Amino acid sequence: MKFNSLLRHLLSSYYPFKFLYQKLNNQFVRDVFVAQELKKLKKNSLILDAGCGSQRYKADCSHLRYKSQDFGGYATDLKKSIDTSYQDLDAYAYASQIDYIGNIWDIKAKNNTFDAILCTEVLEHIPYPIETVKEFSRILKKNGILILTAPSNCLRHMDPYFFYTGFTDRFYDKILTENNFSIKKIEPVGDYYSWMSVEVARTSISNSLLAKLILFPAFLYYAMKRKTPVSVNSLCMGYHIVAIKN
C-alpha cells in the first residue's frame, strides 16, 4: 500500500511522470476545455452550473453571474468500485452553498432565464438525461450556450447515483437536435488505445510489484498506439460539447 501511494505521488508530481499522469487522467483535459469555453462567454452573462457538486469551476466564472444547482445528496459510494479516484463529499456542506436545490430535470427557474448552462460529468448520474436536456432548453434564452461534458465509457462511481456508463455522439446528435439545440462543437476525448492504457495502468497500480512488471509492456503498447478515426469510433472516454439554443 505504501508503495502504491508513493507511485501515485511520483506520477502526479514529477515531470515527465506528471505529463504521463495528466495524459492518463481525463480531468486535466476537461478542466482546460471548460476554462476555455467559460472564458469566451460575455462578461456578466448569467450562467447556471447544473449538477455543480463541489462547484469546481466557480472560480472560472468570476466574470459571470454564477448560479449553482445540485440535488445535494451524494456523500459516499455505497457500492465500491475499482475506480478509487472519487472522494467522499460533505453533502450538507456543499448543499448549503447551492442556489437551486432539487432535481436537475425540474429546476425551479422561469423559462428563458439563463445565458449559459455548464453541466460537467452529470448525465450518467441521473435517471432522466433526456428530460434534463429538455429542461436545459426551457431555461436557456434564445442563443444561450450549453457547455456539456459526459463520459462515453466509465466505471461505476458515485453510487447509488450511477445510472449510465456513458453516452455516444449519436445520443447528442439526436437528443440535442430534438430539443432545439444546434451543436457547435463535439470533441471526443481519447480513443480505444488510450482507454486501454488507462485501464492497464489502473490495474497495475492497484496490484503487486510483480503485476506492475508484467503489465508494463502492455501499458507501453497501448500508450504508444496512434489515435485513428476507427479507434475513436470504436471507443472513447467521453465527449466535450458546446451547443446553442435555437
Foldseek 3Di string as FASTA:
>chain_A
DVVLVVVVCCLCPDPPSVVVVCLLDCVNVVVVVVLVVLVPDDFAFEEEAEQCAQVPCVVSNPRYNYAYEHQLDFFAAPDDDLDPPDDGDPSVVSVVVHDFHDDLLDTPDQFQAGLEYEYEAPLQQDPCNLSNLLSVLGRHHAQRKYKYKHWQADIDDSPPRGHDRHDDPVVCVPSNVVNQKDWPDKDFAAFQLSVQLSVLVSVLSVDDPVSVVVSVVVNVVSVPDDDDPVRRVVHTTIMITMITGD
